[in-house]
Amino acid sequence: MSTWFMISLLGTIAVIPIHFLSVEHSRLEERYGAEKGKRIGSILGMISGWGIFIFLIGLWISPQPQFLIPLLQDIVFILPLFGLLVLQIPLVHLLLGIVFIIPGAWFGIKGVTEIGLKESETHRPEKVITTGLYSRMRHPQYTGAILSHIGITFLLSSFYSLLVTPLVIVINYLLCWKEEKELVREFGEEYVHYQKSVRMFVPRVRQTDKQQ
């Protein structure tokens, strides 16, 4: 594996403890005081959020072998990028990329707009959000990240990125697990009820009960 890919992979893993610390709001405020604790948590949250995003890009575009799905492999789309690079994308890879990227981007953008950019970066909501998309899934942004990773991996035919996809899913799960652990600490039974009513990653098509 290339040095660039390994740095991106290790960077993605290294960001996990930073994210864990960023959501420990009570602990940070007890140690540093309310205002300073909030500020430190916000800074760590932005570092971890943008860090994971940047390192994921590294996983996708770093030098690596390409894989090919042996189906309609002779049909290739040529995609020039800014006059600097020309991508040759097999039809099946293009279709799979679109299938994953479009809903992934929608979940991510919709999740941010409904909860707010500040809360998305700092992972510090003022209340339990149970409306809109959050009434159907607890973590649309992480679902979007997973789907987008899979879609871009197909689009670029990035073999190493494909290999580490299970790890990317596990990392996103761990981030959600830690966030929810702290949310239960902050909001108590209200968030426990929300956990029982709404799935973590898979959106519920129909609402079986009304969130309060």
N, C-alpha and C. Protein backbone atom coordinates (compact mmCIF):
# COMPACT_ATOMS: atom_id res chain seq x y z
N MET A 1 0.84 -1.19 0.00
CA MET A 1 0.00 0.00 0.00
C MET A 1 0.88 1.25 0.00
N SER A 2 0.40 2.29 -0.64
CA SER A 2 1.17 3.52 -0.75
C SER A 2 1.26 4.23 0.59
N THR A 3 2.30 5.04 0.74
CA THR A 3 2.47 5.83 1.97
C THR A 3 1.29 6.76 2.18
N TRP A 4 0.82 7.37 1.10
CA TRP A 4 -0.31 8.30 1.17
C TRP A 4 -1.55 7.59 1.73
N PHE A 5 -1.81 6.38 1.23
CA PHE A 5 -2.98 5.65 1.70
C PHE A 5 -2.83 5.29 3.17
N MET A 6 -1.64 4.83 3.57
CA MET A 6 -1.43 4.43 4.96
C MET A 6 -1.57 5.62 5.90
N ILE A 7 -1.06 6.78 5.49
CA ILE A 7 -1.21 7.99 6.31
C ILE A 7 -2.69 8.33 6.47
N SER A 8 -3.44 8.22 5.38
CA SER A 8 -4.87 8.52 5.43
C SER A 8 -5.61 7.54 6.33
N LEU A 9 -5.24 6.27 6.23
CA LEU A 9 -5.89 5.25 7.05
C LEU A 9 -5.58 5.44 8.53
N LEU A 10 -4.30 5.63 8.84
CA LEU A 10 -3.90 5.84 10.24
C LEU A 10 -4.47 7.15 10.78
N GLY A 11 -4.56 8.16 9.92
CA GLY A 11 -5.14 9.44 10.34
C GLY A 11 -6.60 9.29 10.70
N THR A 12 -7.33 8.52 9.89
CA THR A 12 -8.75 8.28 10.18
C THR A 12 -8.93 7.61 11.53
N ILE A 13 -8.07 6.64 11.81
CA ILE A 13 -8.15 5.93 13.09
C ILE A 13 -7.73 6.84 14.24
N ALA A 14 -6.70 7.66 14.00
CA ALA A 14 -6.18 8.54 15.06
C ALA A 14 -7.18 9.60 15.49
N VAL A 15 -8.10 9.94 14.60
CA VAL A 15 -9.08 10.98 14.91
C VAL A 15 -10.13 10.48 15.91
N ILE A 16 -10.30 9.16 16.02
CA ILE A 16 -11.34 8.60 16.88
C ILE A 16 -11.24 9.09 18.32
N PRO A 17 -10.07 8.98 18.99
CA PRO A 17 -10.01 9.46 20.38
C PRO A 17 -10.25 10.96 20.51
N ILE A 18 -9.89 11.73 19.48
CA ILE A 18 -10.17 13.17 19.52
C ILE A 18 -11.67 13.41 19.51
N HIS A 19 -12.36 12.65 18.67
CA HIS A 19 -13.81 12.77 18.61
C HIS A 19 -14.44 12.33 19.94
N PHE A 20 -13.95 11.23 20.48
CA PHE A 20 -14.47 10.75 21.76
C PHE A 20 -14.37 11.83 22.83
N LEU A 21 -13.21 12.48 22.90
CA LEU A 21 -13.01 13.51 23.90
C LEU A 21 -13.90 14.72 23.64
N SER A 22 -14.12 15.04 22.37
CA SER A 22 -14.89 16.24 22.02
C SER A 22 -16.33 16.17 22.48
N VAL A 23 -16.89 14.95 22.59
CA VAL A 23 -18.30 14.82 22.98
C VAL A 23 -18.47 14.60 24.48
N GLU A 24 -17.37 14.54 25.22
CA GLU A 24 -17.47 14.40 26.67
C GLU A 24 -17.67 15.77 27.31
N HIS A 25 -18.82 16.35 27.03
CA HIS A 25 -19.08 17.74 27.42
C HIS A 25 -19.00 17.95 28.93
N SER A 26 -19.62 17.07 29.68
CA SER A 26 -19.64 17.23 31.14
C SER A 26 -18.23 17.14 31.72
N ARG A 27 -17.47 16.19 31.23
CA ARG A 27 -16.10 16.01 31.73
C ARG A 27 -15.23 17.22 31.42
N LEU A 28 -15.35 17.75 30.21
CA LEU A 28 -14.56 18.92 29.83
C LEU A 28 -14.93 20.14 30.66
N GLU A 29 -16.23 20.31 30.91
CA GLU A 29 -16.67 21.48 31.68
C GLU A 29 -16.29 21.35 33.15
N GLU A 30 -16.31 20.13 33.67
CA GLU A 30 -15.89 19.93 35.05
C GLU A 30 -14.39 20.23 35.22
N ARG A 31 -13.64 19.89 34.21
CA ARG A 31 -12.18 20.04 34.31
C ARG A 31 -11.72 21.46 34.01
N TYR A 32 -12.35 22.10 33.02
CA TYR A 32 -11.86 23.40 32.57
C TYR A 32 -12.83 24.56 32.84
N GLY A 33 -13.99 24.25 33.38
CA GLY A 33 -14.99 25.29 33.56
C GLY A 33 -15.96 25.30 32.39
N ALA A 34 -17.14 25.88 32.60
CA ALA A 34 -18.20 25.81 31.60
C ALA A 34 -17.79 26.41 30.25
N GLU A 35 -17.35 27.66 30.26
CA GLU A 35 -17.06 28.33 28.99
C GLU A 35 -15.85 27.72 28.29
N LYS A 36 -14.77 27.53 29.03
CA LYS A 36 -13.56 26.98 28.43
C LYS A 36 -13.79 25.54 27.98
N GLY A 37 -14.54 24.79 28.77
CA GLY A 37 -14.85 23.41 28.40
C GLY A 37 -15.64 23.33 27.11
N LYS A 38 -16.63 24.22 26.96
CA LYS A 38 -17.41 24.25 25.73
C LYS A 38 -16.53 24.60 24.54
N ARG A 39 -15.64 25.57 24.75
CA ARG A 39 -14.77 26.01 23.66
C ARG A 39 -13.82 24.90 23.23
N ILE A 40 -13.25 24.20 24.21
CA ILE A 40 -12.34 23.09 23.89
C ILE A 40 -13.09 21.98 23.16
N GLY A 41 -14.29 21.66 23.64
CA GLY A 41 -15.09 20.63 22.99
C GLY A 41 -15.43 20.99 21.56
N SER A 42 -15.76 22.27 21.34
CA SER A 42 -16.09 22.72 19.99
C SER A 42 -14.89 22.61 19.05
N ILE A 43 -13.73 23.02 19.55
CA ILE A 43 -12.51 22.96 18.73
C ILE A 43 -12.16 21.51 18.40
N LEU A 44 -12.22 20.64 19.40
CA LEU A 44 -11.92 19.23 19.17
C LEU A 44 -12.94 18.60 18.21
N GLY A 45 -14.20 19.02 18.32
CA GLY A 45 -15.23 18.50 17.43
C GLY A 45 -14.97 18.89 15.99
N MET A 46 -14.57 20.14 15.77
CA MET A 46 -14.28 20.58 14.40
C MET A 46 -13.04 19.87 13.85
N ILE A 47 -12.03 19.68 14.71
CA ILE A 47 -10.82 18.99 14.27
C ILE A 47 -11.14 17.55 13.86
N SER A 48 -11.93 16.87 14.70
CA SER A 48 -12.25 15.47 14.39
C SER A 48 -13.14 15.35 13.16
N GLY A 49 -14.14 16.24 13.05
CA GLY A 49 -15.05 16.18 11.92
C GLY A 49 -14.36 16.42 10.59
N TRP A 50 -13.61 17.53 10.53
CA TRP A 50 -12.90 17.84 9.29
C TRP A 50 -11.74 16.88 9.06
N GLY A 51 -11.14 16.39 10.15
CA GLY A 51 -10.04 15.44 10.00
C GLY A 51 -10.49 14.15 9.34
N ILE A 52 -11.61 13.62 9.80
CA ILE A 52 -12.13 12.39 9.20
C ILE A 52 -12.47 12.61 7.74
N PHE A 53 -13.09 13.75 7.44
CA PHE A 53 -13.45 14.05 6.05
C PHE A 53 -12.21 14.11 5.15
N ILE A 54 -11.18 14.80 5.61
CA ILE A 54 -9.96 14.93 4.81
C ILE A 54 -9.26 13.59 4.63
N PHE A 55 -9.19 12.81 5.70
CA PHE A 55 -8.51 11.51 5.60
C PHE A 55 -9.30 10.53 4.74
N LEU A 56 -10.64 10.64 4.75
CA LEU A 56 -11.43 9.79 3.86
C LEU A 56 -11.14 10.11 2.40
N ILE A 57 -10.99 11.39 2.09
CA ILE A 57 -10.62 11.77 0.73
C ILE A 57 -9.29 11.11 0.35
N GLY A 58 -8.36 11.09 1.30
CA GLY A 58 -7.09 10.44 1.06
C GLY A 58 -7.25 8.96 0.75
N LEU A 59 -8.17 8.29 1.46
CA LEU A 59 -8.42 6.88 1.18
C LEU A 59 -8.92 6.67 -0.24
N TRP A 60 -9.72 7.62 -0.73
CA TRP A 60 -10.31 7.46 -2.06
C TRP A 60 -9.32 7.72 -3.18
N ILE A 61 -8.52 8.78 -3.04
CA ILE A 61 -7.74 9.25 -4.19
C ILE A 61 -6.26 8.91 -4.12
N SER A 62 -5.80 8.30 -3.03
CA SER A 62 -4.39 7.95 -2.95
C SER A 62 -4.04 6.89 -3.99
N PRO A 63 -2.78 6.83 -4.43
CA PRO A 63 -2.37 5.83 -5.43
C PRO A 63 -2.66 4.41 -4.94
N GLN A 64 -3.36 3.64 -5.75
CA GLN A 64 -3.73 2.27 -5.37
C GLN A 64 -4.22 1.51 -6.60
N PRO A 65 -4.20 0.19 -6.55
CA PRO A 65 -4.73 -0.58 -7.68
C PRO A 65 -6.22 -0.33 -7.86
N GLN A 66 -6.69 -0.56 -9.07
CA GLN A 66 -8.12 -0.43 -9.35
C GLN A 66 -8.75 -1.81 -9.49
N PHE A 67 -9.99 -1.92 -9.05
CA PHE A 67 -10.72 -3.17 -9.22
C PHE A 67 -11.74 -2.99 -10.34
N LEU A 68 -12.21 -4.08 -10.89
CA LEU A 68 -13.16 -4.02 -11.99
C LEU A 68 -14.22 -5.10 -11.82
N ILE A 69 -15.47 -4.70 -11.79
CA ILE A 69 -16.57 -5.65 -11.75
C ILE A 69 -16.76 -6.21 -13.16
N PRO A 70 -16.67 -7.53 -13.32
CA PRO A 70 -16.71 -8.13 -14.67
C PRO A 70 -18.12 -8.18 -15.26
N LEU A 71 -18.69 -7.01 -15.47
CA LEU A 71 -20.04 -6.92 -16.05
C LEU A 71 -20.10 -5.66 -16.90
N LEU A 72 -20.39 -5.82 -18.17
CA LEU A 72 -20.44 -4.69 -19.11
C LEU A 72 -19.16 -3.85 -19.01
N GLN A 73 -18.04 -4.54 -18.83
CA GLN A 73 -16.79 -3.83 -18.58
C GLN A 73 -16.24 -3.10 -19.80
N ASP A 74 -16.78 -3.39 -20.98
CA ASP A 74 -16.30 -2.71 -22.18
C ASP A 74 -16.95 -1.33 -22.37
N ILE A 75 -18.01 -1.06 -21.61
CA ILE A 75 -18.68 0.24 -21.71
C ILE A 75 -18.07 1.16 -20.66
N VAL A 76 -17.36 2.17 -21.12
CA VAL A 76 -16.62 3.06 -20.22
C VAL A 76 -17.00 4.51 -20.49
N PHE A 77 -17.20 5.27 -19.42
CA PHE A 77 -17.48 6.69 -19.54
C PHE A 77 -16.21 7.48 -19.27
N ILE A 78 -15.96 8.46 -20.11
CA ILE A 78 -14.79 9.32 -19.96
C ILE A 78 -15.21 10.60 -19.25
N LEU A 79 -14.56 10.90 -18.14
CA LEU A 79 -14.92 12.08 -17.35
C LEU A 79 -13.68 12.94 -17.11
N PRO A 80 -13.54 14.05 -17.86
CA PRO A 80 -12.41 14.96 -17.62
C PRO A 80 -12.65 15.80 -16.37
N LEU A 81 -11.61 15.97 -15.56
CA LEU A 81 -11.72 16.76 -14.34
C LEU A 81 -10.82 17.98 -14.42
N PHE A 82 -11.42 19.14 -14.64
CA PHE A 82 -10.73 20.43 -14.62
C PHE A 82 -9.54 20.47 -15.58
N GLY A 83 -9.57 19.65 -16.61
CA GLY A 83 -8.49 19.66 -17.59
C GLY A 83 -7.19 19.07 -17.08
N LEU A 84 -7.21 18.52 -15.85
CA LEU A 84 -5.98 17.99 -15.26
C LEU A 84 -5.95 16.47 -15.25
N LEU A 85 -7.13 15.86 -15.21
CA LEU A 85 -7.21 14.41 -15.06
C LEU A 85 -8.41 13.90 -15.82
N VAL A 86 -8.26 12.74 -16.42
CA VAL A 86 -9.35 12.11 -17.14
C VAL A 86 -9.66 10.77 -16.49
N LEU A 87 -10.88 10.63 -15.99
CA LEU A 87 -11.30 9.37 -15.38
C LEU A 87 -12.00 8.50 -16.41
N GLN A 88 -11.66 7.24 -16.40
CA GLN A 88 -12.36 6.26 -17.23
C GLN A 88 -13.16 5.36 -16.29
N ILE A 89 -14.47 5.54 -16.30
CA ILE A 89 -15.33 4.87 -15.33
C ILE A 89 -16.18 3.81 -16.02
N PRO A 90 -16.00 2.54 -15.67
CA PRO A 90 -16.86 1.49 -16.23
C PRO A 90 -18.33 1.76 -15.89
N LEU A 91 -19.21 1.37 -16.79
CA LEU A 91 -20.64 1.66 -16.64
C LEU A 91 -21.19 1.17 -15.30
N VAL A 92 -20.89 -0.08 -14.94
CA VAL A 92 -21.43 -0.63 -13.70
C VAL A 92 -20.92 0.15 -12.49
N HIS A 93 -19.66 0.54 -12.52
CA HIS A 93 -19.10 1.33 -11.42
C HIS A 93 -19.79 2.69 -11.33
N LEU A 94 -20.07 3.28 -12.49
CA LEU A 94 -20.75 4.58 -12.52
C LEU A 94 -22.14 4.47 -11.93
N LEU A 95 -22.87 3.44 -12.33
CA LEU A 95 -24.24 3.27 -11.84
C LEU A 95 -24.25 3.01 -10.33
N LEU A 96 -23.35 2.14 -9.86
CA LEU A 96 -23.28 1.87 -8.43
C LEU A 96 -22.86 3.11 -7.65
N GLY A 97 -21.93 3.87 -8.23
CA GLY A 97 -21.51 5.10 -7.57
C GLY A 97 -22.67 6.06 -7.39
N ILE A 98 -23.46 6.23 -8.44
CA ILE A 98 -24.61 7.13 -8.37
C ILE A 98 -25.63 6.63 -7.35
N VAL A 99 -25.87 5.31 -7.33
CA VAL A 99 -26.85 4.72 -6.42
C VAL A 99 -26.50 5.01 -4.96
N PHE A 100 -25.20 5.01 -4.64
CA PHE A 100 -24.78 5.25 -3.26
C PHE A 100 -24.54 6.73 -2.96
N ILE A 101 -23.95 7.45 -3.91
CA ILE A 101 -23.55 8.84 -3.64
C ILE A 101 -24.75 9.77 -3.49
N ILE A 102 -25.75 9.63 -4.35
CA ILE A 102 -26.89 10.55 -4.29
C ILE A 102 -27.63 10.47 -2.96
N PRO A 103 -28.05 9.29 -2.50
CA PRO A 103 -28.70 9.26 -1.18
C PRO A 103 -27.74 9.61 -0.05
N GLY A 104 -26.46 9.23 -0.21
CA GLY A 104 -25.48 9.56 0.82
C GLY A 104 -25.33 11.06 0.99
N ALA A 105 -25.22 11.77 -0.14
CA ALA A 105 -25.10 13.23 -0.08
C ALA A 105 -26.38 13.85 0.49
N TRP A 106 -27.52 13.30 0.10
CA TRP A 106 -28.80 13.85 0.59
C TRP A 106 -28.92 13.67 2.10
N PHE A 107 -28.61 12.47 2.59
CA PHE A 107 -28.68 12.24 4.04
C PHE A 107 -27.74 13.19 4.78
N GLY A 108 -26.52 13.34 4.26
CA GLY A 108 -25.55 14.19 4.94
C GLY A 108 -25.98 15.64 4.97
N ILE A 109 -26.38 16.18 3.82
CA ILE A 109 -26.77 17.59 3.73
C ILE A 109 -28.05 17.85 4.52
N LYS A 110 -29.02 16.96 4.37
CA LYS A 110 -30.28 17.11 5.09
C LYS A 110 -30.07 17.04 6.59
N GLY A 111 -29.20 16.13 7.02
CA GLY A 111 -28.92 16.01 8.44
C GLY A 111 -28.31 17.27 9.02
N VAL A 112 -27.39 17.88 8.27
CA VAL A 112 -26.74 19.12 8.73
C VAL A 112 -27.74 20.27 8.77
N THR A 113 -28.55 20.41 7.72
CA THR A 113 -29.48 21.54 7.67
C THR A 113 -30.55 21.45 8.75
N GLU A 114 -30.94 20.23 9.12
CA GLU A 114 -32.00 20.10 10.12
C GLU A 114 -31.49 20.31 11.55
N ILE A 115 -30.25 19.94 11.80
CA ILE A 115 -29.74 20.08 13.17
C ILE A 115 -28.92 21.36 13.33
N GLY A 116 -28.44 21.91 12.21
CA GLY A 116 -27.64 23.13 12.26
C GLY A 116 -26.16 22.84 12.12
N LEU A 117 -25.44 23.73 11.44
CA LEU A 117 -24.02 23.51 11.19
C LEU A 117 -23.21 23.49 12.48
N LYS A 118 -23.53 24.39 13.40
CA LYS A 118 -22.78 24.45 14.66
C LYS A 118 -22.90 23.16 15.44
N GLU A 119 -24.13 22.66 15.57
CA GLU A 119 -24.34 21.41 16.30
C GLU A 119 -23.69 20.24 15.59
N SER A 120 -23.68 20.29 14.25
CA SER A 120 -23.07 19.20 13.49
C SER A 120 -21.56 19.15 13.72
N GLU A 121 -20.95 20.31 13.84
CA GLU A 121 -19.50 20.37 14.04
C GLU A 121 -19.10 20.06 15.48
N THR A 122 -19.90 20.55 16.43
CA THR A 122 -19.53 20.41 17.84
C THR A 122 -20.17 19.19 18.50
N HIS A 123 -21.19 18.60 17.84
CA HIS A 123 -21.90 17.44 18.40
C HIS A 123 -22.48 17.77 19.77
N ARG A 124 -23.02 18.98 19.88
CA ARG A 124 -23.58 19.42 21.15
C ARG A 124 -24.97 20.02 20.93
N PRO A 125 -25.98 19.19 20.75
CA PRO A 125 -27.34 19.72 20.56
C PRO A 125 -27.90 20.27 21.86
N GLU A 126 -28.75 21.27 21.73
CA GLU A 126 -29.39 21.86 22.90
C GLU A 126 -30.55 20.99 23.40
N LYS A 127 -31.07 20.15 22.52
CA LYS A 127 -32.17 19.27 22.88
C LYS A 127 -32.12 18.04 21.98
N VAL A 128 -32.93 17.04 22.31
CA VAL A 128 -33.02 15.85 21.48
C VAL A 128 -33.87 16.18 20.25
N ILE A 129 -33.27 16.06 19.08
CA ILE A 129 -33.97 16.36 17.83
C ILE A 129 -34.72 15.11 17.38
N THR A 130 -36.03 15.21 17.29
CA THR A 130 -36.85 14.04 16.92
C THR A 130 -37.78 14.35 15.76
N THR A 131 -37.51 15.43 15.04
CA THR A 131 -38.38 15.82 13.94
C THR A 131 -37.66 15.65 12.60
N GLY A 132 -38.42 15.75 11.52
CA GLY A 132 -37.83 15.66 10.19
C GLY A 132 -37.13 14.33 9.96
N LEU A 133 -35.96 14.39 9.37
CA LEU A 133 -35.20 13.18 9.09
C LEU A 133 -34.81 12.44 10.36
N TYR A 134 -34.63 13.20 11.45
CA TYR A 134 -34.24 12.59 12.72
C TYR A 134 -35.39 11.83 13.39
N SER A 135 -36.58 11.93 12.84
CA SER A 135 -37.68 11.11 13.33
C SER A 135 -37.65 9.72 12.70
N ARG A 136 -36.79 9.55 11.71
CA ARG A 136 -36.72 8.28 10.99
C ARG A 136 -35.37 7.58 11.14
N MET A 137 -34.33 8.31 11.51
CA MET A 137 -33.02 7.71 11.74
C MET A 137 -32.24 8.63 12.68
N ARG A 138 -31.40 8.03 13.53
CA ARG A 138 -30.72 8.83 14.55
C ARG A 138 -29.47 9.53 14.02
N HIS A 139 -28.83 8.95 13.01
CA HIS A 139 -27.56 9.51 12.54
C HIS A 139 -27.50 9.59 11.02
N PRO A 140 -28.30 10.48 10.42
CA PRO A 140 -28.29 10.58 8.95
C PRO A 140 -26.94 11.00 8.38
N GLN A 141 -26.18 11.81 9.13
CA GLN A 141 -24.90 12.27 8.61
C GLN A 141 -23.90 11.12 8.50
N TYR A 142 -23.90 10.24 9.47
CA TYR A 142 -22.98 9.10 9.42
C TYR A 142 -23.44 8.08 8.37
N THR A 143 -24.74 7.92 8.23
CA THR A 143 -25.25 7.07 7.15
C THR A 143 -24.81 7.63 5.81
N GLY A 144 -24.92 8.95 5.67
CA GLY A 144 -24.49 9.61 4.43
C GLY A 144 -23.01 9.41 4.17
N ALA A 145 -22.20 9.47 5.23
CA ALA A 145 -20.76 9.28 5.08
C ALA A 145 -20.43 7.87 4.60
N ILE A 146 -21.11 6.88 5.16
CA ILE A 146 -20.86 5.49 4.77
C ILE A 146 -21.27 5.26 3.31
N LEU A 147 -22.47 5.72 2.96
CA LEU A 147 -22.95 5.53 1.59
C LEU A 147 -22.06 6.27 0.59
N SER A 148 -21.65 7.48 0.93
CA SER A 148 -20.79 8.25 0.03
C SER A 148 -19.43 7.58 -0.14
N HIS A 149 -18.90 7.04 0.95
CA HIS A 149 -17.62 6.32 0.85
C HIS A 149 -17.73 5.15 -0.12
N ILE A 150 -18.79 4.38 0.02
CA ILE A 150 -18.98 3.23 -0.88
C ILE A 150 -19.14 3.69 -2.32
N GLY A 151 -19.95 4.73 -2.52
CA GLY A 151 -20.20 5.23 -3.87
C GLY A 151 -18.96 5.77 -4.54
N ILE A 152 -18.18 6.57 -3.83
CA ILE A 152 -16.96 7.13 -4.41
C ILE A 152 -15.93 6.04 -4.66
N THR A 153 -15.90 5.04 -3.78
CA THR A 153 -14.99 3.91 -3.99
C THR A 153 -15.31 3.19 -5.30
N PHE A 154 -16.59 2.98 -5.58
CA PHE A 154 -16.98 2.37 -6.85
C PHE A 154 -16.65 3.30 -8.02
N LEU A 155 -16.93 4.57 -7.85
CA LEU A 155 -16.73 5.53 -8.93
C LEU A 155 -15.26 5.59 -9.34
N LEU A 156 -14.37 5.55 -8.36
CA LEU A 156 -12.93 5.64 -8.64
C LEU A 156 -12.27 4.27 -8.77
N SER A 157 -13.05 3.21 -8.53
CA SER A 157 -12.52 1.84 -8.60
C SER A 157 -11.31 1.66 -7.69
N SER A 158 -11.36 2.27 -6.51
CA SER A 158 -10.21 2.26 -5.59
C SER A 158 -10.19 0.97 -4.77
N PHE A 159 -9.24 0.10 -5.07
CA PHE A 159 -9.23 -1.24 -4.48
C PHE A 159 -8.96 -1.21 -2.98
N TYR A 160 -7.95 -0.45 -2.55
CA TYR A 160 -7.64 -0.40 -1.12
C TYR A 160 -8.79 0.24 -0.34
N SER A 161 -9.40 1.24 -0.93
CA SER A 161 -10.55 1.88 -0.29
C SER A 161 -11.69 0.89 -0.12
N LEU A 162 -11.87 0.02 -1.11
CA LEU A 162 -12.89 -1.03 -1.02
C LEU A 162 -12.56 -1.99 0.13
N LEU A 163 -11.28 -2.34 0.26
CA LEU A 163 -10.87 -3.29 1.29
C LEU A 163 -11.14 -2.76 2.70
N VAL A 164 -10.97 -1.46 2.89
CA VAL A 164 -11.13 -0.91 4.25
C VAL A 164 -12.56 -0.41 4.51
N THR A 165 -13.48 -0.67 3.59
CA THR A 165 -14.87 -0.25 3.80
C THR A 165 -15.46 -0.80 5.09
N PRO A 166 -15.27 -2.08 5.44
CA PRO A 166 -15.78 -2.55 6.73
C PRO A 166 -15.22 -1.75 7.91
N LEU A 167 -13.95 -1.37 7.82
CA LEU A 167 -13.35 -0.57 8.89
C LEU A 167 -14.00 0.82 8.95
N VAL A 168 -14.27 1.41 7.80
CA VAL A 168 -14.94 2.72 7.77
C VAL A 168 -16.31 2.63 8.43
N ILE A 169 -17.03 1.55 8.17
CA ILE A 169 -18.34 1.36 8.79
C ILE A 169 -18.21 1.22 10.31
N VAL A 170 -17.21 0.45 10.75
CA VAL A 170 -16.98 0.26 12.18
C VAL A 170 -16.62 1.59 12.84
N ILE A 171 -15.78 2.38 12.19
CA ILE A 171 -15.38 3.68 12.74
C ILE A 171 -16.60 4.58 12.91
N ASN A 172 -17.45 4.63 11.90
CA ASN A 172 -18.66 5.45 12.01
C ASN A 172 -19.57 4.95 13.13
N TYR A 173 -19.64 3.63 13.28
CA TYR A 173 -20.46 3.09 14.37
C TYR A 173 -19.89 3.50 15.73
N LEU A 174 -18.57 3.42 15.87
CA LEU A 174 -17.94 3.79 17.14
C LEU A 174 -18.18 5.27 17.47
N LEU A 175 -18.11 6.12 16.47
CA LEU A 175 -18.36 7.55 16.70
C LEU A 175 -19.79 7.75 17.18
N CYS A 176 -20.74 7.05 16.55
CA CYS A 176 -22.14 7.16 16.97
C CYS A 176 -22.33 6.61 18.38
N TRP A 177 -21.70 5.48 18.64
CA TRP A 177 -21.82 4.84 19.97
C TRP A 177 -21.36 5.79 21.07
N LYS A 178 -20.23 6.44 20.86
CA LYS A 178 -19.71 7.36 21.87
C LYS A 178 -20.61 8.57 22.02
N GLU A 179 -21.06 9.13 20.90
CA GLU A 179 -21.96 10.28 20.97
C GLU A 179 -23.21 9.94 21.75
N GLU A 180 -23.77 8.77 21.48
CA GLU A 180 -25.02 8.39 22.14
C GLU A 180 -24.81 8.11 23.62
N LYS A 181 -23.66 7.58 23.96
CA LYS A 181 -23.35 7.36 25.37
C LYS A 181 -23.39 8.68 26.14
N GLU A 182 -22.83 9.73 25.54
CA GLU A 182 -22.83 11.04 26.18
C GLU A 182 -24.22 11.69 26.13
N LEU A 183 -24.96 11.45 25.05
CA LEU A 183 -26.31 12.01 24.95
C LEU A 183 -27.24 11.41 25.99
N VAL A 184 -27.07 10.12 26.26
CA VAL A 184 -27.85 9.50 27.33
C VAL A 184 -27.49 10.12 28.67
N ARG A 185 -26.20 10.41 28.86
CA ARG A 185 -25.76 11.04 30.11
C ARG A 185 -26.38 12.43 30.27
N GLU A 186 -26.51 13.16 29.14
CA GLU A 186 -27.01 14.53 29.20
C GLU A 186 -28.54 14.61 29.23
N PHE A 187 -29.21 13.74 28.45
CA PHE A 187 -30.66 13.87 28.31
C PHE A 187 -31.44 12.74 28.98
N GLY A 188 -30.74 11.73 29.46
CA GLY A 188 -31.37 10.68 30.25
C GLY A 188 -32.42 9.87 29.50
N GLU A 189 -33.54 9.65 30.16
CA GLU A 189 -34.59 8.77 29.64
C GLU A 189 -35.16 9.27 28.31
N GLU A 190 -35.12 10.56 28.10
CA GLU A 190 -35.64 11.11 26.84
C GLU A 190 -34.88 10.54 25.65
N TYR A 191 -33.56 10.48 25.78
CA TYR A 191 -32.77 9.95 24.66
C TYR A 191 -32.86 8.43 24.59
N VAL A 192 -32.98 7.77 25.73
CA VAL A 192 -33.15 6.31 25.74
C VAL A 192 -34.42 5.93 24.99
N HIS A 193 -35.49 6.68 25.22
CA HIS A 193 -36.75 6.44 24.50
C HIS A 193 -36.56 6.66 23.00
N TYR A 194 -35.82 7.69 22.65
CA TYR A 194 -35.54 7.98 21.24
C TYR A 194 -34.76 6.84 20.60
N GLN A 195 -33.78 6.30 21.32
CA GLN A 195 -33.00 5.17 20.81
C GLN A 195 -33.89 3.96 20.53
N LYS A 196 -34.84 3.73 21.41
CA LYS A 196 -35.72 2.57 21.25
C LYS A 196 -36.72 2.76 20.12
N SER A 197 -37.00 4.01 19.78
CA SER A 197 -38.04 4.31 18.80
C SER A 197 -37.51 4.46 17.38
N VAL A 198 -36.24 4.85 17.26
CA VAL A 198 -35.68 5.19 15.94
C VAL A 198 -34.37 4.44 15.73
N ARG A 199 -34.18 3.90 14.54
CA ARG A 199 -32.96 3.16 14.23
C ARG A 199 -31.76 4.09 14.10
N MET A 200 -30.57 3.51 14.25
CA MET A 200 -29.35 4.30 14.20
C MET A 200 -29.02 4.76 12.78
N PHE A 201 -28.92 3.83 11.84
CA PHE A 201 -28.46 4.14 10.49
C PHE A 201 -29.53 3.96 9.41
N VAL A 202 -30.37 2.97 9.56
CA VAL A 202 -31.34 2.63 8.51
C VAL A 202 -32.62 3.42 8.72
N PRO A 203 -33.01 4.24 7.75
CA PRO A 203 -34.22 5.06 7.95
C PRO A 203 -35.48 4.21 8.01
N ARG A 204 -36.36 4.60 8.88
CA ARG A 204 -37.66 3.94 8.99
C ARG A 204 -38.59 4.52 7.95
N VAL A 205 -39.20 3.67 7.15
CA VAL A 205 -40.07 4.14 6.08
C VAL A 205 -41.35 4.72 6.65
N ARG A 206 -41.91 4.02 7.63
CA ARG A 206 -43.13 4.51 8.27
C ARG A 206 -42.88 4.72 9.75
N GLN A 207 -43.48 5.75 10.27
CA GLN A 207 -43.38 6.02 11.70
C GLN A 207 -44.41 5.17 12.43
N THR A 208 -43.91 4.38 13.37
CA THR A 208 -44.80 3.50 14.11
C THR A 208 -45.32 4.15 15.39
N ASP A 209 -44.63 5.18 15.82
CA ASP A 209 -45.13 5.92 16.97
C ASP A 209 -44.70 7.36 16.84
N LYS A 210 -45.41 8.23 17.48
CA LYS A 210 -45.14 9.66 17.38
C LYS A 210 -44.16 10.08 18.44
N GLN A 211 -43.09 10.77 17.99
CA GLN A 211 -42.10 11.26 18.94
C GLN A 211 -42.67 12.44 19.71
N GLN A 212 -42.34 12.51 20.97
CA GLN A 212 -42.80 13.62 21.80
C GLN A 212 -41.76 14.72 21.78
